[in-house]
Structure formats: C-alpha cells, structure tokens
Amino acid sequence: MDFIAWGEEYLQEARALKARTDLLRRRLLSAAAAERKELNYRICLLYSMYLECRSTGRLLQSYGGKEDSGREK
C-alpha cells in the first residue's frame, strides 16, 4: 500500500475543505444575522473535517516514510 499517495489524497481534500471554509468566512462578514448562525455552523463543521483530513494525511505520509526506510536494498 502506498501510504504517501494515500496521505496526499487526504491532504488534497484538506486543502479543498480549507478553501471552502475560507470562502464561507468571507461571506460571513456581509451576512445578515439570521444567516450568520447557519454559516458559523457550516464553518465549524467544515473546519473540523479539514483538521481530520490534514491530520490523517500527515499520519499516513509518516507511515510511508517509515515503510520506505525499512525496506531491504
């Protein structure tokens, strides 16, 4: 199993989630009071997903580095 590539997929997804979160944060500045609550909820949800993807991606890539260094040459 290629942990480096698998980790990169998670990191790409994390970048997409971060971009979406940033977009919603910019939208939050001009939102009406009723919309702010919904936007804050979505931002929190997406940001937690971003953190999970980033953490998982980094962890998988660290496993890939250990796997490569342990192989016989």
N, C-alpha and C. Protein backbone atom coordinates (compact mmCIF):
# COMPACT_ATOMS: atom_id res chain seq x y z
N MET A 1 0.84 -1.18 0.00
CA MET A 1 0.00 0.00 0.00
C MET A 1 0.89 1.25 0.00
N ASP A 2 0.55 2.21 -0.81
CA ASP A 2 1.33 3.44 -0.93
C ASP A 2 0.77 4.50 0.01
N PHE A 3 1.35 4.57 1.19
CA PHE A 3 0.87 5.49 2.21
C PHE A 3 1.11 6.95 1.82
N ILE A 4 2.19 7.21 1.08
CA ILE A 4 2.50 8.58 0.67
C ILE A 4 1.38 9.11 -0.24
N ALA A 5 1.01 8.33 -1.25
CA ALA A 5 -0.05 8.75 -2.18
C ALA A 5 -1.40 8.84 -1.47
N TRP A 6 -1.66 7.90 -0.62
CA TRP A 6 -2.91 7.89 0.13
C TRP A 6 -2.99 9.14 1.02
N GLY A 7 -1.88 9.45 1.68
CA GLY A 7 -1.82 10.64 2.51
C GLY A 7 -2.01 11.91 1.70
N GLU A 8 -1.46 11.93 0.48
CA GLU A 8 -1.60 13.10 -0.39
C GLU A 8 -3.06 13.31 -0.78
N GLU A 9 -3.81 12.24 -0.97
CA GLU A 9 -5.24 12.37 -1.28
C GLU A 9 -5.97 13.06 -0.12
N TYR A 10 -5.63 12.67 1.09
CA TYR A 10 -6.24 13.30 2.26
C TYR A 10 -5.84 14.78 2.35
N LEU A 11 -4.58 15.07 2.04
CA LEU A 11 -4.12 16.46 2.11
C LEU A 11 -4.76 17.32 1.02
N GLN A 12 -5.01 16.74 -0.15
CA GLN A 12 -5.71 17.47 -1.20
C GLN A 12 -7.14 17.79 -0.76
N GLU A 13 -7.78 16.82 -0.17
CA GLU A 13 -9.15 17.04 0.33
C GLU A 13 -9.14 18.10 1.43
N ALA A 14 -8.11 18.08 2.27
CA ALA A 14 -7.99 19.09 3.33
C ALA A 14 -7.87 20.48 2.72
N ARG A 15 -7.08 20.61 1.66
CA ARG A 15 -6.94 21.92 1.00
C ARG A 15 -8.27 22.39 0.42
N ALA A 16 -9.04 21.48 -0.16
CA ALA A 16 -10.35 21.84 -0.71
C ALA A 16 -11.30 22.29 0.40
N LEU A 17 -11.28 21.59 1.52
CA LEU A 17 -12.13 21.96 2.65
C LEU A 17 -11.72 23.32 3.22
N LYS A 18 -10.42 23.57 3.29
CA LYS A 18 -9.92 24.86 3.79
C LYS A 18 -10.35 25.99 2.87
N ALA A 19 -10.27 25.77 1.56
CA ALA A 19 -10.69 26.80 0.61
C ALA A 19 -12.18 27.11 0.77
N ARG A 20 -12.98 26.08 0.95
CA ARG A 20 -14.42 26.28 1.14
C ARG A 20 -14.70 27.01 2.45
N THR A 21 -13.97 26.66 3.49
CA THR A 21 -14.13 27.33 4.78
C THR A 21 -13.76 28.80 4.67
N ASP A 22 -12.67 29.10 3.98
CA ASP A 22 -12.25 30.49 3.80
C ASP A 22 -13.30 31.29 3.04
N LEU A 23 -13.89 30.66 2.03
CA LEU A 23 -14.94 31.32 1.26
C LEU A 23 -16.15 31.65 2.15
N LEU A 24 -16.54 30.70 2.97
CA LEU A 24 -17.67 30.93 3.87
C LEU A 24 -17.35 32.00 4.91
N ARG A 25 -16.12 32.05 5.36
CA ARG A 25 -15.72 33.09 6.34
C ARG A 25 -15.82 34.48 5.72
N ARG A 26 -15.42 34.59 4.45
CA ARG A 26 -15.55 35.89 3.78
C ARG A 26 -17.03 36.27 3.62
N ARG A 27 -17.85 35.27 3.32
CA ARG A 27 -19.29 35.50 3.16
C ARG A 27 -19.93 35.90 4.50
N LEU A 28 -19.37 35.40 5.57
CA LEU A 28 -19.89 35.68 6.91
C LEU A 28 -19.83 37.18 7.23
N LEU A 29 -18.83 37.86 6.71
CA LEU A 29 -18.66 39.28 7.01
C LEU A 29 -19.84 40.13 6.55
N SER A 30 -20.46 39.74 5.45
CA SER A 30 -21.57 40.53 4.92
C SER A 30 -22.94 39.86 5.12
N ALA A 31 -22.98 38.81 5.91
CA ALA A 31 -24.23 38.05 6.08
C ALA A 31 -25.15 38.73 7.09
N ALA A 32 -26.43 38.52 6.88
CA ALA A 32 -27.43 39.00 7.83
C ALA A 32 -27.37 38.14 9.09
N ALA A 33 -27.95 38.64 10.15
CA ALA A 33 -27.88 37.95 11.44
C ALA A 33 -28.43 36.53 11.37
N ALA A 34 -29.53 36.34 10.66
CA ALA A 34 -30.13 35.01 10.56
C ALA A 34 -29.22 34.03 9.83
N GLU A 35 -28.51 34.53 8.84
CA GLU A 35 -27.63 33.67 8.05
C GLU A 35 -26.32 33.37 8.78
N ARG A 36 -25.92 34.26 9.66
CA ARG A 36 -24.64 34.09 10.38
C ARG A 36 -24.60 32.80 11.20
N LYS A 37 -25.68 32.49 11.86
CA LYS A 37 -25.72 31.28 12.69
C LYS A 37 -25.52 30.04 11.84
N GLU A 38 -26.21 29.98 10.71
CA GLU A 38 -26.06 28.84 9.81
C GLU A 38 -24.65 28.77 9.22
N LEU A 39 -24.11 29.92 8.83
CA LEU A 39 -22.75 29.94 8.28
C LEU A 39 -21.72 29.51 9.32
N ASN A 40 -21.87 29.99 10.55
CA ASN A 40 -20.94 29.59 11.60
C ASN A 40 -20.98 28.09 11.84
N TYR A 41 -22.17 27.51 11.81
CA TYR A 41 -22.30 26.06 11.98
C TYR A 41 -21.57 25.33 10.86
N ARG A 42 -21.80 25.76 9.62
CA ARG A 42 -21.15 25.12 8.47
C ARG A 42 -19.63 25.28 8.52
N ILE A 43 -19.18 26.46 8.92
CA ILE A 43 -17.74 26.72 9.02
C ILE A 43 -17.11 25.79 10.05
N CYS A 44 -17.74 25.66 11.20
CA CYS A 44 -17.22 24.78 12.26
C CYS A 44 -17.17 23.33 11.79
N LEU A 45 -18.21 22.89 11.12
CA LEU A 45 -18.26 21.52 10.62
C LEU A 45 -17.16 21.27 9.58
N LEU A 46 -17.05 22.16 8.61
CA LEU A 46 -16.04 22.00 7.56
C LEU A 46 -14.62 22.12 8.13
N TYR A 47 -14.44 23.01 9.09
CA TYR A 47 -13.11 23.18 9.67
C TYR A 47 -12.69 21.93 10.45
N SER A 48 -13.62 21.30 11.15
CA SER A 48 -13.27 20.07 11.86
C SER A 48 -12.94 18.96 10.86
N MET A 49 -13.66 18.91 9.74
CA MET A 49 -13.34 17.94 8.69
C MET A 49 -11.95 18.22 8.11
N TYR A 50 -11.64 19.50 7.91
CA TYR A 50 -10.32 19.90 7.42
C TYR A 50 -9.21 19.41 8.35
N LEU A 51 -9.39 19.64 9.64
CA LEU A 51 -8.37 19.22 10.61
C LEU A 51 -8.19 17.71 10.61
N GLU A 52 -9.28 16.96 10.51
CA GLU A 52 -9.19 15.49 10.46
C GLU A 52 -8.45 15.02 9.21
N CYS A 53 -8.79 15.60 8.07
CA CYS A 53 -8.13 15.20 6.82
C CYS A 53 -6.65 15.54 6.86
N ARG A 54 -6.32 16.73 7.36
CA ARG A 54 -4.92 17.14 7.44
C ARG A 54 -4.13 16.22 8.37
N SER A 55 -4.71 15.92 9.52
CA SER A 55 -4.04 15.05 10.48
C SER A 55 -3.86 13.64 9.91
N THR A 56 -4.90 13.10 9.29
CA THR A 56 -4.83 11.76 8.71
C THR A 56 -3.82 11.70 7.58
N GLY A 57 -3.83 12.72 6.72
CA GLY A 57 -2.88 12.77 5.61
C GLY A 57 -1.44 12.79 6.08
N ARG A 58 -1.16 13.61 7.07
CA ARG A 58 0.20 13.68 7.61
C ARG A 58 0.61 12.36 8.26
N LEU A 59 -0.32 11.75 8.98
CA LEU A 59 -0.04 10.48 9.63
C LEU A 59 0.26 9.39 8.60
N LEU A 60 -0.56 9.31 7.57
CA LEU A 60 -0.34 8.31 6.52
C LEU A 60 1.00 8.52 5.84
N GLN A 61 1.34 9.77 5.56
CA GLN A 61 2.62 10.03 4.91
C GLN A 61 3.79 9.69 5.82
N SER A 62 3.61 9.86 7.12
CA SER A 62 4.69 9.48 8.03
C SER A 62 4.88 7.97 8.05
N TYR A 63 3.79 7.21 7.91
CA TYR A 63 3.90 5.76 7.80
C TYR A 63 4.62 5.37 6.52
N GLY A 64 4.36 6.10 5.46
CA GLY A 64 5.02 5.82 4.18
C GLY A 64 6.51 6.02 4.27
N GLY A 65 6.94 7.03 4.98
CA GLY A 65 8.37 7.28 5.15
C GLY A 65 9.04 6.17 5.94
N LYS A 66 8.37 5.65 6.94
CA LYS A 66 8.92 4.56 7.75
C LYS A 66 8.99 3.28 6.93
N GLU A 67 7.97 3.07 6.09
CA GLU A 67 7.93 1.86 5.27
C GLU A 67 9.08 1.87 4.27
N ASP A 68 9.34 3.03 3.66
CA ASP A 68 10.41 3.14 2.67
C ASP A 68 11.79 2.93 3.30
N SER A 69 11.99 3.46 4.50
CA SER A 69 13.30 3.34 5.14
C SER A 69 13.55 1.93 5.67
N GLY A 70 12.50 1.15 5.87
CA GLY A 70 12.66 -0.20 6.40
C GLY A 70 12.84 -1.27 5.35
N ARG A 71 12.74 -0.91 4.10
CA ARG A 71 12.87 -1.90 3.03
C ARG A 71 14.32 -2.30 2.82
N GLU A 72 14.50 -3.56 2.44
CA GLU A 72 15.84 -4.03 2.12
C GLU A 72 16.23 -3.54 0.74
N LYS A 73 17.51 -3.27 0.57
CA LYS A 73 18.01 -2.79 -0.73
C LYS A 73 18.76 -3.87 -1.44
